[in-house]
Amino acid sequence: MFRLWGKIFKDNHLIKDTVIENNTDDTRTKKIFNALDAICYEFDLGKPIWLDVTIADFKKHAKARFTQDAFVETIDFDFLEIQVIEE
C-alpha cells in the first residue's frame, strides 16, 4: 500500500492535512503524481510546479515542500508539504 500525507502550514501551524492511499500497480512516480493531484483537488489548489530543489529534497527525504514559488496563483498559506508515509 502506498500512502502520501499532504499538509498545509501557515505561521508554523498545521492548517489542513489529508492522507491519500493508492493500491494500484502503477509506478511510484505515477502514484506520487496521482496522490498530489488528489491532495490539490481536496484542498482546492492548483497543481504546483516541481522545482529542482523540490525534486532533490523529495529524492533525499521522501518529503517535499511547495512554497509560493511553485504555484501559479497566489496562496494564502506558507507551504504545502507532501510526505510518503508508507510504500
N, C-alpha and C. Protein backbone atom coordinates (compact mmCIF):
# COMPACT_ATOMS: atom_id res chain seq x y z
N MET A 1 0.84 -1.18 0.00
CA MET A 1 0.00 0.00 0.00
C MET A 1 0.89 1.25 0.00
N PHE A 2 0.52 2.21 -0.80
CA PHE A 2 1.23 3.48 -0.88
C PHE A 2 0.37 4.56 -0.25
N ARG A 3 0.96 5.35 0.65
CA ARG A 3 0.22 6.44 1.29
C ARG A 3 1.07 7.72 1.27
N LEU A 4 0.43 8.81 0.88
CA LEU A 4 1.09 10.11 0.82
C LEU A 4 0.31 11.07 1.71
N TRP A 5 1.03 11.76 2.58
CA TRP A 5 0.42 12.70 3.52
C TRP A 5 0.62 14.11 3.00
N GLY A 6 -0.45 14.84 2.82
CA GLY A 6 -0.40 16.22 2.38
C GLY A 6 -0.79 17.15 3.51
N LYS A 7 0.01 18.21 3.73
CA LYS A 7 -0.22 19.12 4.85
C LYS A 7 -0.06 20.56 4.38
N ILE A 8 -0.92 21.44 4.87
CA ILE A 8 -0.81 22.87 4.61
C ILE A 8 -0.44 23.56 5.92
N PHE A 9 0.61 24.40 5.85
CA PHE A 9 1.09 25.12 7.02
C PHE A 9 0.99 26.63 6.81
N LYS A 10 0.65 27.32 7.88
CA LYS A 10 0.67 28.78 7.89
C LYS A 10 1.15 29.23 9.27
N ASP A 11 2.15 30.08 9.30
CA ASP A 11 2.74 30.57 10.55
C ASP A 11 3.15 29.42 11.48
N ASN A 12 3.78 28.40 10.91
CA ASN A 12 4.25 27.22 11.64
C ASN A 12 3.14 26.42 12.30
N HIS A 13 1.91 26.56 11.82
CA HIS A 13 0.78 25.79 12.34
C HIS A 13 0.20 24.95 11.20
N LEU A 14 -0.15 23.72 11.54
CA LEU A 14 -0.81 22.85 10.58
C LEU A 14 -2.25 23.31 10.43
N ILE A 15 -2.63 23.67 9.20
CA ILE A 15 -3.97 24.18 8.93
C ILE A 15 -4.89 23.05 8.44
N LYS A 16 -4.42 22.27 7.47
CA LYS A 16 -5.18 21.16 6.90
C LYS A 16 -4.24 20.01 6.63
N ASP A 17 -4.76 18.79 6.68
CA ASP A 17 -3.98 17.65 6.25
C ASP A 17 -4.90 16.56 5.73
N THR A 18 -4.33 15.68 4.94
CA THR A 18 -5.06 14.55 4.39
C THR A 18 -4.06 13.47 4.03
N VAL A 19 -4.54 12.24 3.99
CA VAL A 19 -3.72 11.11 3.57
C VAL A 19 -4.40 10.47 2.36
N ILE A 20 -3.63 10.27 1.31
CA ILE A 20 -4.12 9.64 0.09
C ILE A 20 -3.51 8.26 -0.02
N GLU A 21 -4.35 7.25 -0.19
CA GLU A 21 -3.88 5.88 -0.34
C GLU A 21 -4.01 5.45 -1.80
N ASN A 22 -3.07 4.62 -2.24
CA ASN A 22 -3.09 4.12 -3.61
C ASN A 22 -2.64 2.66 -3.59
N ASN A 23 -3.53 1.76 -3.99
CA ASN A 23 -3.22 0.34 -4.01
C ASN A 23 -3.05 -0.21 -5.42
N THR A 24 -2.89 0.67 -6.40
CA THR A 24 -2.77 0.22 -7.79
C THR A 24 -1.37 -0.32 -8.06
N ASP A 25 -1.19 -0.86 -9.24
CA ASP A 25 0.11 -1.39 -9.66
C ASP A 25 0.91 -0.36 -10.45
N ASP A 26 0.54 0.92 -10.33
CA ASP A 26 1.28 1.98 -11.03
C ASP A 26 2.70 2.08 -10.50
N THR A 27 3.54 2.79 -11.23
CA THR A 27 4.90 3.05 -10.76
C THR A 27 4.85 4.03 -9.59
N ARG A 28 5.93 4.10 -8.85
CA ARG A 28 5.99 5.01 -7.70
C ARG A 28 5.76 6.45 -8.13
N THR A 29 6.35 6.83 -9.25
CA THR A 29 6.21 8.19 -9.75
C THR A 29 4.75 8.52 -10.06
N LYS A 30 4.06 7.60 -10.73
CA LYS A 30 2.65 7.82 -11.04
C LYS A 30 1.81 7.91 -9.78
N LYS A 31 2.13 7.08 -8.80
CA LYS A 31 1.40 7.12 -7.53
C LYS A 31 1.58 8.48 -6.84
N ILE A 32 2.80 9.01 -6.88
CA ILE A 32 3.08 10.31 -6.26
C ILE A 32 2.30 11.41 -6.97
N PHE A 33 2.37 11.43 -8.30
CA PHE A 33 1.67 12.47 -9.06
C PHE A 33 0.15 12.37 -8.89
N ASN A 34 -0.39 11.15 -8.90
CA ASN A 34 -1.83 10.98 -8.71
C ASN A 34 -2.25 11.41 -7.31
N ALA A 35 -1.45 11.07 -6.30
CA ALA A 35 -1.77 11.47 -4.93
C ALA A 35 -1.68 12.98 -4.78
N LEU A 36 -0.68 13.61 -5.39
CA LEU A 36 -0.57 15.07 -5.32
C LEU A 36 -1.76 15.73 -6.01
N ASP A 37 -2.20 15.18 -7.12
CA ASP A 37 -3.40 15.69 -7.79
C ASP A 37 -4.62 15.59 -6.88
N ALA A 38 -4.75 14.46 -6.19
CA ALA A 38 -5.88 14.26 -5.27
C ALA A 38 -5.82 15.23 -4.09
N ILE A 39 -4.63 15.48 -3.58
CA ILE A 39 -4.45 16.43 -2.48
C ILE A 39 -4.84 17.83 -2.93
N CYS A 40 -4.36 18.23 -4.09
CA CYS A 40 -4.68 19.56 -4.61
C CYS A 40 -6.18 19.71 -4.88
N TYR A 41 -6.81 18.65 -5.35
CA TYR A 41 -8.26 18.69 -5.58
C TYR A 41 -9.00 18.84 -4.25
N GLU A 42 -8.58 18.07 -3.25
CA GLU A 42 -9.24 18.13 -1.93
C GLU A 42 -9.06 19.50 -1.28
N PHE A 43 -7.90 20.10 -1.44
CA PHE A 43 -7.62 21.41 -0.83
C PHE A 43 -8.00 22.56 -1.75
N ASP A 44 -8.53 22.27 -2.94
CA ASP A 44 -8.93 23.28 -3.92
C ASP A 44 -7.76 24.18 -4.31
N LEU A 45 -6.66 23.54 -4.71
CA LEU A 45 -5.44 24.23 -5.12
C LEU A 45 -5.11 23.90 -6.56
N GLY A 46 -4.38 24.81 -7.20
CA GLY A 46 -3.80 24.50 -8.49
C GLY A 46 -2.62 23.56 -8.28
N LYS A 47 -2.24 22.85 -9.32
CA LYS A 47 -1.12 21.92 -9.19
C LYS A 47 0.20 22.69 -9.09
N PRO A 48 1.03 22.35 -8.13
CA PRO A 48 2.32 23.04 -8.00
C PRO A 48 3.32 22.54 -9.04
N ILE A 49 4.32 23.36 -9.28
CA ILE A 49 5.40 23.02 -10.21
C ILE A 49 6.53 22.38 -9.41
N TRP A 50 7.07 21.30 -9.95
CA TRP A 50 8.19 20.63 -9.29
C TRP A 50 9.48 21.36 -9.66
N LEU A 51 9.99 22.19 -8.77
CA LEU A 51 11.26 22.88 -8.98
C LEU A 51 12.41 21.93 -8.69
N ASP A 52 13.61 22.27 -9.16
CA ASP A 52 14.77 21.40 -8.96
C ASP A 52 15.04 21.13 -7.49
N VAL A 53 14.91 22.14 -6.66
CA VAL A 53 15.15 21.97 -5.23
C VAL A 53 14.09 21.07 -4.60
N THR A 54 12.87 21.14 -5.09
CA THR A 54 11.80 20.29 -4.59
C THR A 54 12.07 18.83 -4.94
N ILE A 55 12.49 18.60 -6.17
CA ILE A 55 12.80 17.24 -6.62
C ILE A 55 13.96 16.66 -5.80
N ALA A 56 15.00 17.45 -5.58
CA ALA A 56 16.16 16.99 -4.81
C ALA A 56 15.77 16.63 -3.38
N ASP A 57 14.96 17.47 -2.74
CA ASP A 57 14.50 17.19 -1.38
C ASP A 57 13.65 15.92 -1.33
N PHE A 58 12.78 15.76 -2.33
CA PHE A 58 11.90 14.59 -2.34
C PHE A 58 12.72 13.31 -2.54
N LYS A 59 13.72 13.34 -3.39
CA LYS A 59 14.56 12.17 -3.61
C LYS A 59 15.33 11.82 -2.34
N LYS A 60 15.76 12.82 -1.62
CA LYS A 60 16.60 12.61 -0.44
C LYS A 60 15.80 12.19 0.79
N HIS A 61 14.64 12.82 1.01
CA HIS A 61 13.90 12.63 2.26
C HIS A 61 12.50 12.03 2.09
N ALA A 62 12.05 11.78 0.86
CA ALA A 62 10.66 11.34 0.59
C ALA A 62 9.67 12.36 1.13
N LYS A 63 10.09 13.62 1.14
CA LYS A 63 9.27 14.73 1.62
C LYS A 63 9.60 15.96 0.78
N ALA A 64 8.59 16.76 0.45
CA ALA A 64 8.83 17.96 -0.34
C ALA A 64 7.90 19.07 0.12
N ARG A 65 8.40 20.31 0.02
CA ARG A 65 7.61 21.49 0.35
C ARG A 65 7.43 22.34 -0.90
N PHE A 66 6.19 22.73 -1.11
CA PHE A 66 5.85 23.60 -2.23
C PHE A 66 5.48 24.96 -1.66
N THR A 67 6.33 25.96 -1.90
CA THR A 67 6.07 27.33 -1.43
C THR A 67 5.40 28.12 -2.54
N GLN A 68 5.22 29.40 -2.32
CA GLN A 68 4.58 30.28 -3.31
C GLN A 68 5.26 30.18 -4.67
N ASP A 69 6.57 29.97 -4.71
CA ASP A 69 7.31 29.88 -5.97
C ASP A 69 6.83 28.73 -6.85
N ALA A 70 6.24 27.70 -6.26
CA ALA A 70 5.82 26.53 -7.02
C ALA A 70 4.39 26.64 -7.54
N PHE A 71 3.67 27.67 -7.13
CA PHE A 71 2.28 27.84 -7.54
C PHE A 71 2.13 29.02 -8.49
N VAL A 72 1.25 28.89 -9.47
CA VAL A 72 0.99 29.98 -10.41
C VAL A 72 0.12 31.04 -9.74
N GLU A 73 -0.92 30.59 -9.03
CA GLU A 73 -1.81 31.53 -8.35
C GLU A 73 -1.26 31.87 -6.96
N THR A 74 -1.78 32.90 -6.37
CA THR A 74 -1.38 33.29 -5.02
C THR A 74 -2.00 32.33 -4.02
N ILE A 75 -1.20 31.92 -3.04
CA ILE A 75 -1.70 31.02 -2.00
C ILE A 75 -1.81 31.79 -0.69
N ASP A 76 -2.74 31.36 0.17
CA ASP A 76 -2.94 32.06 1.44
C ASP A 76 -2.36 31.28 2.62
N PHE A 77 -1.32 30.51 2.35
CA PHE A 77 -0.61 29.75 3.38
C PHE A 77 0.88 29.81 3.07
N ASP A 78 1.71 29.31 3.97
CA ASP A 78 3.15 29.38 3.78
C ASP A 78 3.68 28.30 2.82
N PHE A 79 3.24 27.05 3.02
CA PHE A 79 3.69 25.99 2.13
C PHE A 79 2.79 24.76 2.23
N LEU A 80 2.82 23.98 1.15
CA LEU A 80 2.18 22.67 1.10
C LEU A 80 3.31 21.65 1.20
N GLU A 81 3.18 20.72 2.12
CA GLU A 81 4.20 19.70 2.29
C GLU A 81 3.59 18.34 2.00
N ILE A 82 4.31 17.53 1.23
CA ILE A 82 3.89 16.15 1.00
C ILE A 82 4.97 15.23 1.53
N GLN A 83 4.53 14.07 2.04
CA GLN A 83 5.47 13.12 2.62
C GLN A 83 4.95 11.71 2.39
N VAL A 84 5.83 10.85 1.90
CA VAL A 84 5.50 9.44 1.74
C VAL A 84 5.55 8.80 3.13
N ILE A 85 4.44 8.22 3.55
CA ILE A 85 4.44 7.61 4.89
C ILE A 85 4.40 6.09 4.84
N GLU A 86 4.10 5.54 3.66
CA GLU A 86 4.11 4.08 3.53
C GLU A 86 4.24 3.71 2.06
N GLU A 87 5.11 2.73 1.82
CA GLU A 87 5.27 2.24 0.44
C GLU A 87 5.07 0.75 0.41
